[in-house]
Amino acid sequence: MNMNRRPGLSARLRLTLSYAGFLMLAGALLLAVVWVFLLRYVPDGVHLTGQGGFLPEGPPSGRFRGPAPPFVPNRTDLQRAFFPRAAQALACLLVFGLLGGWILAGRMLAPLTRITEAARTTGTGSLSHRIRMQGRQDEFRELSDAFDSMLEQLESHVAEQQRFAANASHELRTPLAISRALLDVARKDPTADRDELVERLHTVNQRAIDITEALLLLSRGDRANLARERVDLSLIAEETAETLLPFAERRRITLTVTGGAARTHGSAELLARMVTNLVQNAIVHNLPAGGTVTVHTWAHDGTSVLRVENSGRPVPPELIPTLTEPFQRGTERVRTGEHAGVGLGLAIVHSIVRVHHGTLDLAPRPAGGLLATVHLPGTP
C-alpha cells in the first residue's frame, strides 16, 4: 500500500547532522571551559615588571623614561589571538563532523540497506530470499535473523495454504462430480430407480457438507481471538465417550475413559471438537473390529494432559508426521456411512491445540495402533 508522505531527510543525513552537531557542541563547550577557567582570570592591563604593578591600556603618558619593559600579553591580547583560531577550529570540526559522520552513518546503516532490499524483494512475491547477515550479534543482526525467520514461516505458511487449497478443491470436486454423474444417468435413463438415486445423492451431498463444515471449523481453529472459559477435559472426555459409544459398540470396540480432572482455559466448543475427533479417529482406525480405545486425563506440573490410545494395525513411523496434514489419511478409514472420515480430523485437532498454546504428540504403539497425547496449559 502506497502512502503519500511529505519528503524528508534520509536517516543517513540525519545521523550525519547529529554527529556534526554533537561534535560542534563538544568543541564549543571546550572553548567555553578555556574562557571560564583560564582567560577570564588574566588581568586586562599593562604589566610593568620593574615596578610590580599594572596600568590601564592607552597611549603612554611619557612619565616613564628608559628602556621599554618586556611585553607581557594581557586578556585583550589573548582574546584577539584566541578567538580567530577558535573559529577556525570550530569550522574544521564542522567539516570533519559532516564528512566523518556521513562515512560512519553509511557504514552503520549498510545492514539496514540489505534488510530494505530483502523486504522489497519479498514485496514482489519472492519468499525464498534470505539475508543471512554475517558478523557478531548486534541489533541489526537480530533484526536480520528475525526477518529471515519471518520469511521462512511465511514461505511455509503460503506453501501449506496452497497445498490445502488444492486438496480442498480436489476433495470437494469429487462429491460434486459424483452428483453430476448420478443426475446425468437419471436424466438419460427415465427408468432408473428413483429411491436409490435419492439415497446415493443424499450420501454424496452429506459428505460434501461434512467436508465444508470441517473446513470452516479448521479455519476457525486458526483464530487466536476466541472466547475462553474454564474447561475440564475429563468431563468433555466422558461426554464424548457417551456420544460415540453406540458407534464403538457397532464395531465391537471397547471404549474406556479413566483418569482425573484436567482443567484448562479455552473454547469449550473447540476443545469438545478436539476430543471428539481424537476418539472418533481412534475408533475408525481400530481395524480389525474388536479392539480397544482408552481415553485418559490427568494434570501434572501445571499442565493438563489428554491421552487417547487405540489398538489396531501397526502405523509406519514415517507416516506419523503427515497425519496432521489436511486430507492426509493414514490407515483404512470408514469412507461411507455414519462418521465418514474426510481427512481433516487430526488437522483440526492440531489447529485447535495450537490456538490453545498446547502440543500434540502422535506416536505408534508397538503392538499396533496410535497413541495421541495433548498437553494444554493447566489452571489451578
Protein backbone atom coordinates (compact mmCIF):
# COMPACT_ATOMS: atom_id res chain seq x y z
CA MET A 1 0.00 0.00 0.00
CA ASN A 2 1.46 3.32 -1.11
CA MET A 3 1.09 6.21 1.32
CA ASN A 4 1.57 9.83 0.33
CA ARG A 5 4.16 11.25 2.70
CA ARG A 6 6.00 14.52 2.59
CA PRO A 7 9.65 14.17 1.55
CA GLY A 8 12.07 14.28 4.44
CA LEU A 9 15.73 13.91 5.27
CA SER A 10 17.23 10.46 4.98
CA ALA A 11 18.36 8.61 8.08
CA ARG A 12 21.97 8.85 6.91
CA LEU A 13 21.77 12.64 6.57
CA ARG A 14 20.05 12.98 9.95
CA LEU A 15 22.74 10.88 11.61
CA THR A 16 25.44 12.92 9.87
CA LEU A 17 23.95 16.19 11.10
CA SER A 18 23.62 14.73 14.57
CA TYR A 19 27.27 13.66 14.62
CA ALA A 20 28.42 17.06 13.37
CA GLY A 21 26.13 18.87 15.81
CA PHE A 22 27.40 16.92 18.81
CA LEU A 23 30.98 17.47 17.70
CA MET A 24 30.39 21.22 17.37
CA LEU A 25 28.72 21.29 20.76
CA ALA A 26 31.66 19.46 22.33
CA GLY A 27 34.09 21.95 20.72
CA ALA A 28 32.06 24.94 21.89
CA LEU A 29 31.95 23.56 25.44
CA LEU A 30 35.71 23.04 25.38
CA LEU A 31 36.27 26.64 24.27
CA ALA A 32 33.85 27.82 26.94
CA VAL A 33 35.84 25.92 29.57
CA VAL A 34 39.04 27.65 28.36
CA TRP A 35 37.33 31.03 28.69
CA VAL A 36 35.68 30.41 32.04
CA PHE A 37 38.63 28.81 33.81
CA LEU A 38 41.59 30.49 32.13
CA LEU A 39 41.13 33.66 30.10
CA ARG A 40 38.79 35.41 32.50
CA TYR A 41 41.45 35.35 35.20
CA VAL A 42 44.09 37.08 33.03
CA PRO A 43 44.25 40.80 34.03
CA ASP A 44 43.25 43.31 31.40
CA GLY A 45 46.04 45.90 31.67
CA VAL A 46 49.79 46.68 31.05
CA HIS A 47 52.10 44.64 33.26
CA LEU A 48 55.12 46.62 34.48
CA THR A 49 57.69 44.09 35.57
CA GLY A 50 60.07 46.64 37.05
CA GLN A 51 57.56 48.19 39.45
CA GLY A 52 55.29 45.14 40.01
CA GLY A 53 52.02 46.77 39.01
CA PHE A 54 49.52 47.18 36.22
CA LEU A 55 48.44 50.18 34.27
CA PRO A 56 45.25 50.51 32.23
CA GLU A 57 45.51 50.32 28.50
CA GLY A 58 46.05 53.51 26.47
CA PRO A 59 48.79 55.62 24.96
CA PRO A 60 51.88 56.19 27.08
CA SER A 61 51.78 59.32 29.19
CA GLY A 62 55.51 59.99 28.94
CA ARG A 63 56.04 59.74 32.69
CA PHE A 64 58.36 56.69 32.37
CA ARG A 65 61.79 57.06 30.89
CA GLY A 66 64.35 54.45 30.00
CA PRO A 67 64.22 51.15 28.08
CA ALA A 68 60.81 49.65 27.33
CA PRO A 69 59.72 46.82 29.65
CA PRO A 70 59.35 43.31 28.18
CA PHE A 71 55.98 42.63 26.51
CA VAL A 72 53.51 40.57 28.57
CA PRO A 73 50.13 39.82 26.83
CA ASN A 74 47.02 40.78 28.71
CA ARG A 75 43.43 39.49 28.37
CA THR A 76 42.69 41.60 25.31
CA ASP A 77 45.78 40.34 23.52
CA LEU A 78 44.89 36.73 24.30
CA GLN A 79 41.31 37.23 23.12
CA ARG A 80 42.48 38.76 19.83
CA ALA A 81 44.77 35.77 19.24
CA PHE A 82 42.41 33.09 20.64
CA PHE A 83 39.00 33.75 19.09
CA PRO A 84 40.05 33.70 15.38
CA ARG A 85 41.89 30.41 15.94
CA ALA A 86 38.91 29.07 17.88
CA ALA A 87 36.58 29.96 14.98
CA GLN A 88 38.91 28.18 12.57
CA ALA A 89 38.98 25.12 14.83
CA LEU A 90 35.18 25.02 15.01
CA ALA A 91 34.98 25.28 11.21
CA CYS A 92 37.41 22.34 10.89
CA LEU A 93 35.34 20.38 13.42
CA LEU A 94 32.19 21.08 11.37
CA VAL A 95 33.77 19.84 8.15
CA PHE A 96 35.29 16.84 9.91
CA GLY A 97 31.99 16.04 11.63
CA LEU A 98 29.99 16.20 8.40
CA LEU A 99 32.47 14.12 6.40
CA GLY A 100 33.18 11.62 9.14
CA GLY A 101 29.53 11.41 10.14
CA TRP A 102 28.48 10.72 6.56
CA ILE A 103 31.01 7.88 6.26
CA LEU A 104 30.23 6.40 9.68
CA ALA A 105 26.47 6.63 9.13
CA GLY A 106 26.83 4.87 5.79
CA ARG A 107 28.81 2.03 7.36
CA MET A 108 26.36 1.68 10.24
CA LEU A 109 23.27 1.74 8.02
CA ALA A 110 24.67 -0.71 5.44
CA PRO A 111 22.96 -3.72 7.14
CA LEU A 112 19.68 -1.80 7.18
CA THR A 113 20.05 -1.26 3.43
CA ARG A 114 20.37 -5.03 2.92
CA ILE A 115 17.25 -5.62 5.01
CA THR A 116 15.34 -3.00 2.99
CA GLU A 117 16.37 -4.62 -0.28
CA ALA A 118 15.25 -8.00 1.05
CA ALA A 119 11.90 -6.50 2.07
CA ARG A 120 11.44 -5.05 -1.43
CA THR A 121 12.27 -8.45 -2.94
CA THR A 122 9.71 -10.05 -0.65
CA GLY A 123 7.14 -7.47 -1.72
CA THR A 124 7.41 -8.75 -5.30
CA GLY A 125 6.20 -12.18 -4.15
CA SER A 126 9.55 -13.94 -3.69
CA LEU A 127 9.67 -15.57 -0.25
CA SER A 128 12.77 -17.70 -0.85
CA HIS A 129 15.20 -14.79 -0.40
CA ARG A 130 17.22 -14.72 2.84
CA ILE A 131 19.55 -12.06 4.22
CA ARG A 132 21.83 -14.37 6.23
CA MET A 133 23.82 -11.49 7.70
CA GLN A 134 27.29 -12.40 8.93
CA GLY A 135 29.23 -10.90 11.80
CA ARG A 136 28.80 -10.53 15.53
CA GLN A 137 25.47 -10.31 17.28
CA ASP A 138 24.04 -6.79 17.42
CA GLU A 139 20.71 -5.04 16.86
CA PHE A 140 20.94 -5.25 13.07
CA ARG A 141 21.91 -8.93 13.23
CA GLU A 142 18.90 -9.61 15.48
CA LEU A 143 16.64 -7.75 13.05
CA SER A 144 18.10 -9.70 10.13
CA ASP A 145 17.62 -13.05 11.87
CA ALA A 146 14.07 -12.13 12.84
CA PHE A 147 13.34 -11.11 9.24
CA ASP A 148 14.77 -14.39 7.91
CA SER A 149 12.71 -16.35 10.43
CA MET A 150 9.58 -14.43 9.40
CA LEU A 151 10.25 -15.16 5.72
CA GLU A 152 10.74 -18.84 6.49
CA GLN A 153 7.46 -19.00 8.37
CA LEU A 154 5.64 -17.08 5.64
CA GLU A 155 7.02 -19.34 2.94
CA SER A 156 5.99 -22.42 4.90
CA HIS A 157 2.55 -20.95 5.62
CA VAL A 158 1.94 -19.98 1.98
CA ALA A 159 3.03 -23.41 0.79
CA GLU A 160 0.73 -25.01 3.34
CA GLN A 161 -2.19 -22.81 2.27
CA GLN A 162 -1.60 -23.59 -1.40
CA ARG A 163 -1.44 -27.29 -0.68
CA PHE A 164 -4.56 -27.03 1.48
CA ALA A 165 -6.49 -25.15 -1.21
CA ALA A 166 -5.51 -27.71 -3.83
CA ASN A 167 -6.53 -30.63 -1.62
CA ALA A 168 -9.76 -28.93 -0.55
CA SER A 169 -10.78 -28.24 -4.14
CA HIS A 170 -10.00 -31.84 -5.04
CA GLU A 171 -11.99 -33.24 -2.12
CA LEU A 172 -14.98 -31.01 -2.84
CA ARG A 173 -14.85 -31.68 -6.57
CA THR A 174 -15.21 -35.45 -6.04
CA PRO A 175 -18.71 -35.46 -4.45
CA LEU A 176 -19.87 -32.76 -6.86
CA ALA A 177 -18.67 -34.81 -9.82
CA ILE A 178 -20.43 -37.89 -8.44
CA SER A 179 -23.66 -35.93 -8.00
CA ARG A 180 -23.45 -34.65 -11.57
CA ALA A 181 -22.84 -38.17 -12.87
CA LEU A 182 -25.83 -39.53 -10.97
CA LEU A 183 -28.07 -36.75 -12.27
CA ASP A 184 -26.87 -37.32 -15.86
CA VAL A 185 -27.65 -41.03 -15.55
CA ALA A 186 -31.12 -40.27 -14.17
CA ARG A 187 -31.80 -37.78 -16.98
CA LYS A 188 -30.75 -40.21 -19.69
CA ASP A 189 -32.44 -43.25 -18.11
CA PRO A 190 -36.02 -42.41 -17.04
CA THR A 191 -36.48 -45.99 -15.81
CA ALA A 192 -33.75 -45.72 -13.15
CA ASP A 193 -34.66 -46.41 -9.54
CA ARG A 194 -35.57 -43.04 -8.05
CA ASP A 195 -35.24 -44.17 -4.44
CA GLU A 196 -31.72 -45.48 -4.97
CA LEU A 197 -30.76 -42.27 -6.79
CA VAL A 198 -32.08 -40.11 -3.95
CA GLU A 199 -30.24 -42.20 -1.37
CA ARG A 200 -26.94 -42.01 -3.23
CA LEU A 201 -27.33 -38.27 -3.78
CA HIS A 202 -28.09 -37.83 -0.11
CA THR A 203 -24.91 -39.72 0.85
CA VAL A 204 -22.74 -37.76 -1.56
CA ASN A 205 -24.19 -34.39 -0.55
CA GLN A 206 -23.80 -35.24 3.11
CA ARG A 207 -20.11 -35.91 2.51
CA ALA A 208 -19.74 -32.55 0.77
CA ILE A 209 -21.46 -30.86 3.73
CA ASP A 210 -19.16 -32.66 6.17
CA ILE A 211 -16.10 -31.50 4.24
CA THR A 212 -17.36 -27.91 4.13
CA GLU A 213 -18.14 -27.86 7.85
CA ALA A 214 -14.72 -29.34 8.61
CA LEU A 215 -13.04 -26.66 6.50
CA LEU A 216 -14.95 -23.92 8.31
CA LEU A 217 -14.04 -25.41 11.68
CA LEU A 218 -10.41 -25.68 10.64
CA SER A 219 -10.30 -22.01 9.63
CA ARG A 220 -11.98 -21.04 12.90
CA GLY A 221 -9.50 -23.10 14.87
CA ASP A 222 -6.67 -21.00 13.41
CA ARG A 223 -8.01 -17.84 15.08
CA ALA A 224 -6.50 -16.89 18.42
CA ASN A 225 -9.21 -14.39 19.46
CA LEU A 226 -11.57 -16.96 20.95
CA ALA A 227 -13.81 -16.63 23.97
CA ARG A 228 -12.08 -18.62 26.68
CA GLU A 229 -13.51 -20.18 29.78
CA ARG A 230 -12.54 -22.78 32.35
CA VAL A 231 -12.89 -26.27 30.88
CA ASP A 232 -12.34 -29.72 32.37
CA LEU A 233 -11.05 -32.18 29.76
CA SER A 234 -12.18 -35.15 31.86
CA LEU A 235 -15.82 -34.05 31.65
CA ILE A 236 -15.53 -33.48 27.90
CA ALA A 237 -13.97 -36.92 27.52
CA GLU A 238 -16.87 -38.55 29.39
CA GLU A 239 -19.47 -36.71 27.31
CA THR A 240 -17.68 -37.62 24.08
CA ALA A 241 -17.44 -41.28 25.08
CA GLU A 242 -21.15 -41.34 25.86
CA THR A 243 -21.96 -39.85 22.45
CA LEU A 244 -19.69 -42.18 20.46
CA LEU A 245 -20.38 -45.31 22.50
CA PRO A 246 -23.10 -46.65 20.11
CA PHE A 247 -20.74 -46.19 17.16
CA ALA A 248 -17.97 -48.05 19.03
CA GLU A 249 -20.30 -50.86 20.06
CA ARG A 250 -21.40 -51.44 16.46
CA ARG A 251 -17.74 -52.01 15.63
CA ARG A 252 -17.29 -54.19 18.75
CA ILE A 253 -14.77 -51.76 20.21
CA THR A 254 -14.38 -51.28 23.97
CA LEU A 255 -14.34 -47.55 24.81
CA THR A 256 -12.98 -46.65 28.25
CA VAL A 257 -12.48 -43.26 29.98
CA THR A 258 -10.16 -43.07 33.01
CA GLY A 259 -8.16 -40.51 34.95
CA GLY A 260 -8.87 -37.38 36.92
CA ALA A 261 -9.62 -33.72 36.41
CA ALA A 262 -7.62 -31.84 33.78
CA ARG A 263 -8.65 -28.20 33.81
CA THR A 264 -7.58 -25.62 31.25
CA HIS A 265 -8.74 -22.31 29.77
CA GLY A 266 -10.12 -22.26 26.24
CA SER A 267 -13.09 -22.57 23.96
CA ALA A 268 -15.35 -25.32 25.25
CA GLU A 269 -16.79 -25.89 21.76
CA LEU A 270 -13.41 -26.28 20.08
CA LEU A 271 -11.97 -28.44 22.86
CA ALA A 272 -15.03 -30.69 22.63
CA ARG A 273 -14.44 -31.00 18.88
CA MET A 274 -10.79 -31.82 19.58
CA VAL A 275 -11.67 -34.68 21.92
CA THR A 276 -14.41 -35.92 19.58
CA ASN A 277 -12.07 -36.03 16.61
CA LEU A 278 -9.40 -37.88 18.57
CA VAL A 279 -11.82 -40.51 19.90
CA GLN A 280 -13.61 -40.86 16.55
CA ASN A 281 -10.26 -41.20 14.79
CA ALA A 282 -9.24 -43.91 17.26
CA ILE A 283 -12.47 -45.84 16.63
CA VAL A 284 -12.29 -45.52 12.84
CA HIS A 285 -8.67 -46.67 12.72
CA ASN A 286 -9.30 -49.60 15.03
CA LEU A 287 -9.16 -52.36 12.44
CA PRO A 288 -9.92 -55.19 12.56
CA ALA A 289 -13.03 -54.81 14.72
CA GLY A 290 -12.95 -55.90 18.33
CA GLY A 291 -10.18 -53.60 19.63
CA THR A 292 -9.98 -51.09 22.44
CA VAL A 293 -9.91 -47.30 22.78
CA THR A 294 -8.74 -45.77 26.07
CA VAL A 295 -9.11 -42.09 26.98
CA HIS A 296 -7.08 -40.95 29.99
CA THR A 297 -6.87 -37.45 31.53
CA TRP A 298 -4.68 -36.04 34.26
CA ALA A 299 -2.93 -32.87 35.46
CA HIS A 300 0.80 -32.63 36.11
CA ASP A 301 3.09 -29.66 36.88
CA GLY A 302 0.66 -27.01 35.65
CA THR A 303 -0.21 -28.96 32.50
CA SER A 304 -3.47 -30.71 31.63
CA VAL A 305 -2.97 -33.88 29.62
CA LEU A 306 -5.36 -35.86 27.43
CA ARG A 307 -4.24 -39.20 26.06
CA VAL A 308 -6.21 -41.24 23.52
CA GLU A 309 -4.86 -44.72 22.79
CA ASN A 310 -6.27 -47.25 20.37
CA SER A 311 -5.35 -50.71 19.21
CA GLY A 312 -5.23 -51.63 15.53
CA ARG A 313 -2.81 -52.29 12.76
CA PRO A 314 0.81 -51.05 13.03
CA VAL A 315 1.34 -47.47 11.90
CA PRO A 316 4.59 -46.85 9.96
CA PRO A 317 6.75 -44.29 11.85
CA GLU A 318 7.38 -42.31 8.66
CA LEU A 319 3.61 -41.77 8.34
CA ILE A 320 3.28 -40.05 11.75
CA PRO A 321 4.45 -36.52 10.68
CA THR A 322 1.89 -36.45 7.84
CA LEU A 323 -1.17 -37.36 9.90
CA THR A 324 -1.82 -33.75 10.94
CA GLU A 325 -1.70 -32.53 7.33
CA PRO A 326 -5.12 -31.69 5.84
CA PHE A 327 -6.63 -34.53 3.76
CA GLN A 328 -3.81 -36.92 4.68
CA ARG A 329 -5.33 -40.29 5.51
CA GLY A 330 -3.43 -42.88 7.45
CA THR A 331 -4.59 -46.49 7.58
CA GLU A 332 -8.01 -47.65 6.45
CA ARG A 333 -10.94 -45.44 7.39
CA VAL A 334 -14.65 -45.60 7.11
CA ARG A 335 -15.45 -43.92 3.77
CA THR A 336 -19.24 -44.09 3.79
CA GLY A 337 -21.99 -44.15 6.35
CA GLU A 338 -22.01 -42.62 9.79
CA HIS A 339 -18.91 -40.69 10.89
CA ALA A 340 -17.27 -40.98 7.49
CA GLY A 341 -13.78 -39.55 7.51
CA VAL A 342 -12.87 -36.60 5.31
CA GLY A 343 -9.14 -36.47 6.10
CA LEU A 344 -9.36 -33.39 8.32
CA GLY A 345 -9.81 -34.90 11.78
CA LEU A 346 -6.25 -34.72 13.07
CA ALA A 347 -5.60 -31.50 11.13
CA ILE A 348 -8.44 -29.87 13.07
CA VAL A 349 -7.10 -31.32 16.33
CA HIS A 350 -3.65 -29.91 15.60
CA SER A 351 -5.11 -26.49 14.78
CA ILE A 352 -7.21 -26.39 17.98
CA VAL A 353 -4.27 -27.48 20.13
CA ARG A 354 -2.04 -24.85 18.55
CA VAL A 355 -4.51 -22.00 19.14
CA HIS A 356 -4.73 -23.09 22.80
CA HIS A 357 -0.92 -22.90 23.13
CA GLY A 358 -0.57 -26.64 23.59
CA THR A 359 1.22 -29.52 21.91
CA LEU A 360 0.01 -32.65 20.12
CA ASP A 361 2.23 -35.73 20.16
CA LEU A 362 1.48 -38.72 17.94
CA ALA A 363 3.34 -42.00 18.35
CA PRO A 364 2.79 -45.52 17.02
CA ARG A 365 2.09 -48.24 19.57
CA PRO A 366 4.49 -51.19 19.46
CA ALA A 367 1.54 -53.60 19.44
CA GLY A 368 -0.27 -51.66 16.72
CA GLY A 369 -2.47 -48.61 16.73
CA LEU A 370 -1.81 -44.99 17.64
CA LEU A 371 -1.10 -43.03 20.82
CA ALA A 372 -2.20 -39.36 20.74
CA THR A 373 -1.24 -37.09 23.66
CA VAL A 374 -2.40 -33.49 24.07
CA HIS A 375 -0.67 -31.13 26.52
CA LEU A 376 -2.51 -27.89 27.37
CA PRO A 377 -1.73 -25.17 29.92
CA GLY A 378 -3.47 -26.08 33.13
CA THR A 379 -5.34 -23.98 35.70
CA PRO A 380 -5.43 -24.33 39.48
